[in-house]
Amino acid sequence: MSKITISTKKTIYSKDINKVVDTGFSVAVNPNTTTDVIDNIPTVDGFFENYDILFYQIPLTGSNSHTTLVERSSEYLGLDLNLLLEQLNFLQQQNKQLQEQINEFNTNI
C-alpha cells in the first residue's frame, strides 16, 4: 500500500477578528427554503388578494384546504372548535324548545 501525503494549512486569527470582519447577520433563513420562495413571500394584503382569487379552487377538506385554514387559525386564536359546536347544538336545542313553547302558547290563546 502506498502512502499519500496531504498537506494542510491552518490559519489562526487573533481575538480582534470581530473588529475587522462583520460576523453578525441580519436575516435568518431556513436553509431548506429556496431564494425563489423567499423573494415571493406576499404581504398580508397580497395573501388575501390571492385567497380571494383561489377561494373556490381550495378544497373543503384535506391538506391545504379550508378546513386546514380554520383549524390552524382556531388553534392560533386559542379556540376550541368542538366546544363551540357543542354550544351551538345546545343553543339550537334551546331555540327549538322555545319555538315549540311559543307555538303552543299561540294555539292556546
N, C-alpha and C. Protein backbone atom coordinates (compact mmCIF):
# COMPACT_ATOMS: atom_id res chain seq x y z
N MET A 1 0.83 -1.17 0.00
CA MET A 1 0.00 0.00 0.00
C MET A 1 0.89 1.24 0.00
N SER A 2 0.60 2.17 -0.90
CA SER A 2 1.43 3.36 -0.97
C SER A 2 0.90 4.44 -0.03
N LYS A 3 1.77 5.25 0.42
CA LYS A 3 1.39 6.33 1.33
C LYS A 3 1.17 7.60 0.53
N ILE A 4 0.12 8.34 0.91
CA ILE A 4 -0.17 9.62 0.28
C ILE A 4 -0.01 10.70 1.33
N THR A 5 0.68 11.74 0.96
CA THR A 5 0.87 12.85 1.87
C THR A 5 -0.07 13.98 1.47
N ILE A 6 -0.84 14.46 2.45
CA ILE A 6 -1.74 15.58 2.22
C ILE A 6 -1.25 16.73 3.10
N SER A 7 -0.98 17.84 2.45
CA SER A 7 -0.52 18.98 3.24
C SER A 7 -1.74 19.83 3.63
N THR A 8 -1.71 20.32 4.83
CA THR A 8 -2.78 21.18 5.32
C THR A 8 -2.20 22.48 5.81
N LYS A 9 -3.04 23.49 5.80
CA LYS A 9 -2.60 24.79 6.26
C LYS A 9 -3.65 25.30 7.23
N LYS A 10 -3.24 25.78 8.35
CA LYS A 10 -4.15 26.27 9.35
C LYS A 10 -3.89 27.76 9.55
N THR A 11 -4.96 28.55 9.39
CA THR A 11 -4.84 29.98 9.61
C THR A 11 -5.45 30.32 10.96
N ILE A 12 -4.74 31.02 11.78
CA ILE A 12 -5.22 31.41 13.10
C ILE A 12 -5.41 32.92 13.10
N TYR A 13 -6.61 33.31 13.46
CA TYR A 13 -6.93 34.73 13.53
C TYR A 13 -6.83 35.19 14.99
N SER A 14 -6.56 36.45 15.14
CA SER A 14 -6.45 36.98 16.50
C SER A 14 -7.84 37.21 17.08
N LYS A 15 -7.88 37.55 18.35
CA LYS A 15 -9.14 37.84 19.02
C LYS A 15 -9.82 39.08 18.43
N ASP A 16 -9.07 39.89 17.72
CA ASP A 16 -9.59 41.13 17.17
C ASP A 16 -10.30 40.93 15.83
N ILE A 17 -10.54 39.69 15.44
CA ILE A 17 -11.17 39.44 14.14
C ILE A 17 -12.54 40.10 14.05
N ASN A 18 -13.29 40.16 15.17
CA ASN A 18 -14.62 40.76 15.15
C ASN A 18 -14.58 42.27 14.88
N LYS A 19 -13.41 42.87 15.10
CA LYS A 19 -13.25 44.29 14.78
C LYS A 19 -13.07 44.50 13.28
N VAL A 20 -12.58 43.50 12.61
CA VAL A 20 -12.26 43.60 11.19
C VAL A 20 -13.37 43.00 10.32
N VAL A 21 -13.93 41.87 10.77
CA VAL A 21 -14.92 41.14 9.97
C VAL A 21 -16.26 41.21 10.66
N ASP A 22 -17.31 41.52 9.89
CA ASP A 22 -18.68 41.53 10.42
C ASP A 22 -19.15 40.08 10.49
N THR A 23 -19.23 39.55 11.71
CA THR A 23 -19.64 38.15 11.88
C THR A 23 -21.12 38.03 12.23
N GLY A 24 -21.83 39.12 12.29
CA GLY A 24 -23.26 39.09 12.61
C GLY A 24 -24.09 38.83 11.37
N PHE A 25 -25.38 38.65 11.57
CA PHE A 25 -26.29 38.50 10.44
C PHE A 25 -27.57 39.24 10.78
N SER A 26 -28.28 39.66 9.75
CA SER A 26 -29.50 40.43 9.99
C SER A 26 -30.75 39.67 9.60
N VAL A 27 -30.64 38.58 8.83
CA VAL A 27 -31.80 37.81 8.41
C VAL A 27 -31.50 36.34 8.61
N ALA A 28 -32.40 35.64 9.28
CA ALA A 28 -32.25 34.20 9.43
C ALA A 28 -33.16 33.54 8.40
N VAL A 29 -32.60 32.62 7.64
CA VAL A 29 -33.34 31.97 6.57
C VAL A 29 -33.26 30.47 6.76
N ASN A 30 -34.38 29.80 6.57
CA ASN A 30 -34.40 28.35 6.62
C ASN A 30 -33.54 27.83 5.48
N PRO A 31 -32.53 27.02 5.77
CA PRO A 31 -31.64 26.56 4.70
C PRO A 31 -32.35 25.70 3.65
N ASN A 32 -33.51 25.14 4.00
CA ASN A 32 -34.26 24.32 3.05
C ASN A 32 -35.16 25.15 2.15
N THR A 33 -35.23 26.45 2.38
CA THR A 33 -36.08 27.32 1.59
C THR A 33 -35.27 27.90 0.44
N THR A 34 -35.82 27.84 -0.73
CA THR A 34 -35.11 28.40 -1.88
C THR A 34 -35.28 29.91 -1.90
N THR A 35 -34.37 30.60 -2.54
CA THR A 35 -34.48 32.06 -2.60
C THR A 35 -35.69 32.48 -3.41
N ASP A 36 -36.13 31.63 -4.35
CA ASP A 36 -37.34 31.92 -5.11
C ASP A 36 -38.53 32.11 -4.19
N VAL A 37 -38.68 31.20 -3.23
CA VAL A 37 -39.78 31.27 -2.29
C VAL A 37 -39.67 32.51 -1.43
N ILE A 38 -38.48 32.81 -0.97
CA ILE A 38 -38.28 33.98 -0.11
C ILE A 38 -38.61 35.26 -0.86
N ASP A 39 -38.22 35.35 -2.13
CA ASP A 39 -38.49 36.55 -2.92
C ASP A 39 -39.98 36.73 -3.20
N ASN A 40 -40.74 35.62 -3.14
CA ASN A 40 -42.16 35.68 -3.48
C ASN A 40 -43.09 35.64 -2.29
N ILE A 41 -42.57 35.86 -1.08
CA ILE A 41 -43.42 35.89 0.09
C ILE A 41 -44.33 37.11 -0.02
N PRO A 42 -45.66 36.88 -0.01
CA PRO A 42 -46.58 38.00 -0.19
C PRO A 42 -46.75 38.81 1.09
N THR A 43 -47.28 39.98 0.92
CA THR A 43 -47.68 40.77 2.07
C THR A 43 -49.00 40.19 2.57
N VAL A 44 -49.46 40.63 3.70
CA VAL A 44 -50.75 40.17 4.20
C VAL A 44 -51.85 40.55 3.21
N ASP A 45 -51.79 41.77 2.69
CA ASP A 45 -52.78 42.18 1.68
C ASP A 45 -52.69 41.29 0.45
N GLY A 46 -51.47 40.98 0.02
CA GLY A 46 -51.28 40.11 -1.14
C GLY A 46 -51.81 38.71 -0.88
N PHE A 47 -51.63 38.22 0.34
CA PHE A 47 -52.15 36.90 0.70
C PHE A 47 -53.66 36.87 0.53
N PHE A 48 -54.35 37.89 1.06
CA PHE A 48 -55.81 37.89 0.98
C PHE A 48 -56.30 38.14 -0.44
N GLU A 49 -55.56 38.88 -1.23
CA GLU A 49 -55.92 39.03 -2.64
C GLU A 49 -55.85 37.67 -3.33
N ASN A 50 -54.76 36.92 -3.09
CA ASN A 50 -54.62 35.58 -3.67
C ASN A 50 -55.68 34.64 -3.12
N TYR A 51 -55.98 34.75 -1.85
CA TYR A 51 -57.00 33.90 -1.23
C TYR A 51 -58.36 34.12 -1.90
N ASP A 52 -58.70 35.39 -2.15
CA ASP A 52 -59.96 35.69 -2.81
C ASP A 52 -60.01 35.10 -4.22
N ILE A 53 -58.89 35.15 -4.92
CA ILE A 53 -58.83 34.62 -6.29
C ILE A 53 -58.96 33.09 -6.26
N LEU A 54 -58.30 32.44 -5.29
CA LEU A 54 -58.24 30.98 -5.23
C LEU A 54 -59.35 30.34 -4.40
N PHE A 55 -60.21 31.15 -3.81
CA PHE A 55 -61.19 30.69 -2.83
C PHE A 55 -61.92 29.42 -3.27
N TYR A 56 -62.50 29.41 -4.47
CA TYR A 56 -63.30 28.28 -4.92
C TYR A 56 -62.45 27.12 -5.44
N GLN A 57 -61.16 27.33 -5.61
CA GLN A 57 -60.27 26.26 -6.03
C GLN A 57 -59.70 25.50 -4.83
N ILE A 58 -59.79 26.07 -3.64
CA ILE A 58 -59.28 25.44 -2.43
C ILE A 58 -60.26 24.35 -2.00
N PRO A 59 -59.78 23.11 -1.80
CA PRO A 59 -60.69 22.03 -1.38
C PRO A 59 -61.27 22.30 0.01
N LEU A 60 -62.44 21.71 0.26
CA LEU A 60 -63.08 21.89 1.56
C LEU A 60 -62.32 21.18 2.67
N THR A 61 -61.82 19.96 2.38
CA THR A 61 -61.11 19.18 3.40
C THR A 61 -59.79 18.68 2.84
N GLY A 62 -58.96 18.14 3.71
CA GLY A 62 -57.65 17.63 3.32
C GLY A 62 -56.57 18.64 3.63
N SER A 63 -55.34 18.31 3.18
CA SER A 63 -54.24 19.25 3.42
C SER A 63 -54.42 20.44 2.48
N ASN A 64 -53.98 21.59 2.91
CA ASN A 64 -54.14 22.83 2.13
C ASN A 64 -55.60 23.06 1.74
N SER A 65 -56.49 22.98 2.72
CA SER A 65 -57.93 23.13 2.48
C SER A 65 -58.50 24.23 3.37
N HIS A 66 -59.78 24.54 3.14
CA HIS A 66 -60.47 25.50 4.00
C HIS A 66 -60.50 24.97 5.44
N THR A 67 -60.71 23.67 5.59
CA THR A 67 -60.72 23.06 6.93
C THR A 67 -59.38 23.26 7.63
N THR A 68 -58.29 23.06 6.89
CA THR A 68 -56.96 23.25 7.46
C THR A 68 -56.77 24.70 7.91
N LEU A 69 -57.22 25.65 7.11
CA LEU A 69 -57.11 27.06 7.48
C LEU A 69 -57.88 27.35 8.76
N VAL A 70 -59.09 26.82 8.86
CA VAL A 70 -59.91 27.04 10.06
C VAL A 70 -59.24 26.42 11.28
N GLU A 71 -58.75 25.19 11.13
CA GLU A 71 -58.13 24.51 12.27
C GLU A 71 -56.87 25.23 12.73
N ARG A 72 -56.03 25.63 11.77
CA ARG A 72 -54.77 26.31 12.15
C ARG A 72 -55.05 27.68 12.77
N SER A 73 -56.00 28.41 12.19
CA SER A 73 -56.33 29.73 12.73
C SER A 73 -56.99 29.61 14.10
N SER A 74 -57.86 28.61 14.27
CA SER A 74 -58.52 28.40 15.56
C SER A 74 -57.51 28.04 16.63
N GLU A 75 -56.56 27.19 16.27
CA GLU A 75 -55.50 26.82 17.22
C GLU A 75 -54.69 28.04 17.61
N TYR A 76 -54.36 28.86 16.63
CA TYR A 76 -53.57 30.07 16.89
C TYR A 76 -54.35 31.03 17.79
N LEU A 77 -55.67 31.13 17.57
CA LEU A 77 -56.51 32.03 18.36
C LEU A 77 -56.90 31.44 19.71
N GLY A 78 -56.60 30.16 19.92
CA GLY A 78 -56.95 29.52 21.18
C GLY A 78 -58.42 29.14 21.25
N LEU A 79 -59.05 28.87 20.09
CA LEU A 79 -60.46 28.49 20.06
C LEU A 79 -60.57 26.97 20.03
N ASP A 80 -61.53 26.44 20.80
CA ASP A 80 -61.81 25.01 20.79
C ASP A 80 -63.04 24.79 19.92
N LEU A 81 -62.84 24.31 18.70
CA LEU A 81 -63.95 24.14 17.76
C LEU A 81 -64.99 23.16 18.26
N ASN A 82 -64.56 22.08 18.93
CA ASN A 82 -65.51 21.10 19.45
C ASN A 82 -66.42 21.73 20.51
N LEU A 83 -65.83 22.55 21.37
CA LEU A 83 -66.62 23.23 22.39
C LEU A 83 -67.61 24.20 21.74
N LEU A 84 -67.17 24.92 20.74
CA LEU A 84 -68.07 25.85 20.04
C LEU A 84 -69.23 25.11 19.38
N LEU A 85 -68.95 23.94 18.78
CA LEU A 85 -70.02 23.15 18.16
C LEU A 85 -71.00 22.62 19.20
N GLU A 86 -70.48 22.20 20.35
CA GLU A 86 -71.36 21.75 21.44
C GLU A 86 -72.27 22.89 21.90
N GLN A 87 -71.71 24.07 22.07
CA GLN A 87 -72.50 25.22 22.48
C GLN A 87 -73.55 25.57 21.43
N LEU A 88 -73.19 25.49 20.16
CA LEU A 88 -74.12 25.77 19.08
C LEU A 88 -75.28 24.78 19.10
N ASN A 89 -74.97 23.48 19.25
CA ASN A 89 -76.01 22.46 19.32
C ASN A 89 -76.95 22.69 20.51
N PHE A 90 -76.38 23.04 21.65
CA PHE A 90 -77.18 23.32 22.85
C PHE A 90 -78.12 24.50 22.60
N LEU A 91 -77.59 25.57 22.00
CA LEU A 91 -78.41 26.74 21.73
C LEU A 91 -79.50 26.44 20.69
N GLN A 92 -79.19 25.60 19.72
CA GLN A 92 -80.20 25.21 18.73
C GLN A 92 -81.32 24.42 19.40
N GLN A 93 -80.98 23.53 20.32
CA GLN A 93 -81.99 22.77 21.06
C GLN A 93 -82.88 23.70 21.88
N GLN A 94 -82.24 24.65 22.56
CA GLN A 94 -83.00 25.61 23.36
C GLN A 94 -83.93 26.42 22.48
N ASN A 95 -83.43 26.85 21.33
CA ASN A 95 -84.23 27.64 20.40
C ASN A 95 -85.44 26.83 19.93
N LYS A 96 -85.24 25.56 19.63
CA LYS A 96 -86.32 24.68 19.18
C LYS A 96 -87.38 24.54 20.27
N GLN A 97 -86.93 24.35 21.51
CA GLN A 97 -87.87 24.22 22.62
C GLN A 97 -88.67 25.51 22.82
N LEU A 98 -88.00 26.64 22.72
CA LEU A 98 -88.69 27.92 22.88
C LEU A 98 -89.68 28.17 21.75
N GLN A 99 -89.33 27.78 20.53
CA GLN A 99 -90.26 27.91 19.40
C GLN A 99 -91.50 27.05 19.63
N GLU A 100 -91.29 25.84 20.15
CA GLU A 100 -92.42 24.96 20.44
C GLU A 100 -93.31 25.56 21.52
N GLN A 101 -92.70 26.16 22.54
CA GLN A 101 -93.47 26.80 23.61
C GLN A 101 -94.26 27.99 23.06
N ILE A 102 -93.66 28.76 22.19
CA ILE A 102 -94.36 29.91 21.58
C ILE A 102 -95.54 29.42 20.75
N ASN A 103 -95.30 28.39 19.94
CA ASN A 103 -96.38 27.84 19.12
C ASN A 103 -97.51 27.31 19.98
N GLU A 104 -97.20 26.61 21.06
CA GLU A 104 -98.20 26.09 21.98
C GLU A 104 -98.97 27.22 22.66
N PHE A 105 -98.25 28.25 23.05
CA PHE A 105 -98.87 29.41 23.69
C PHE A 105 -99.85 30.10 22.71
N ASN A 106 -99.41 30.27 21.46
CA ASN A 106 -100.24 30.93 20.45
C ASN A 106 -101.49 30.12 20.11
N THR A 107 -101.40 28.80 20.14
CA THR A 107 -102.59 27.98 19.85
C THR A 107 -103.56 27.96 21.01
N ASN A 108 -103.09 28.21 22.23
CA ASN A 108 -103.97 28.25 23.41
C ASN A 108 -104.68 29.58 23.58
N ILE A 109 -104.23 30.60 22.88
CA ILE A 109 -104.87 31.92 23.02
C ILE A 109 -106.07 32.05 22.17
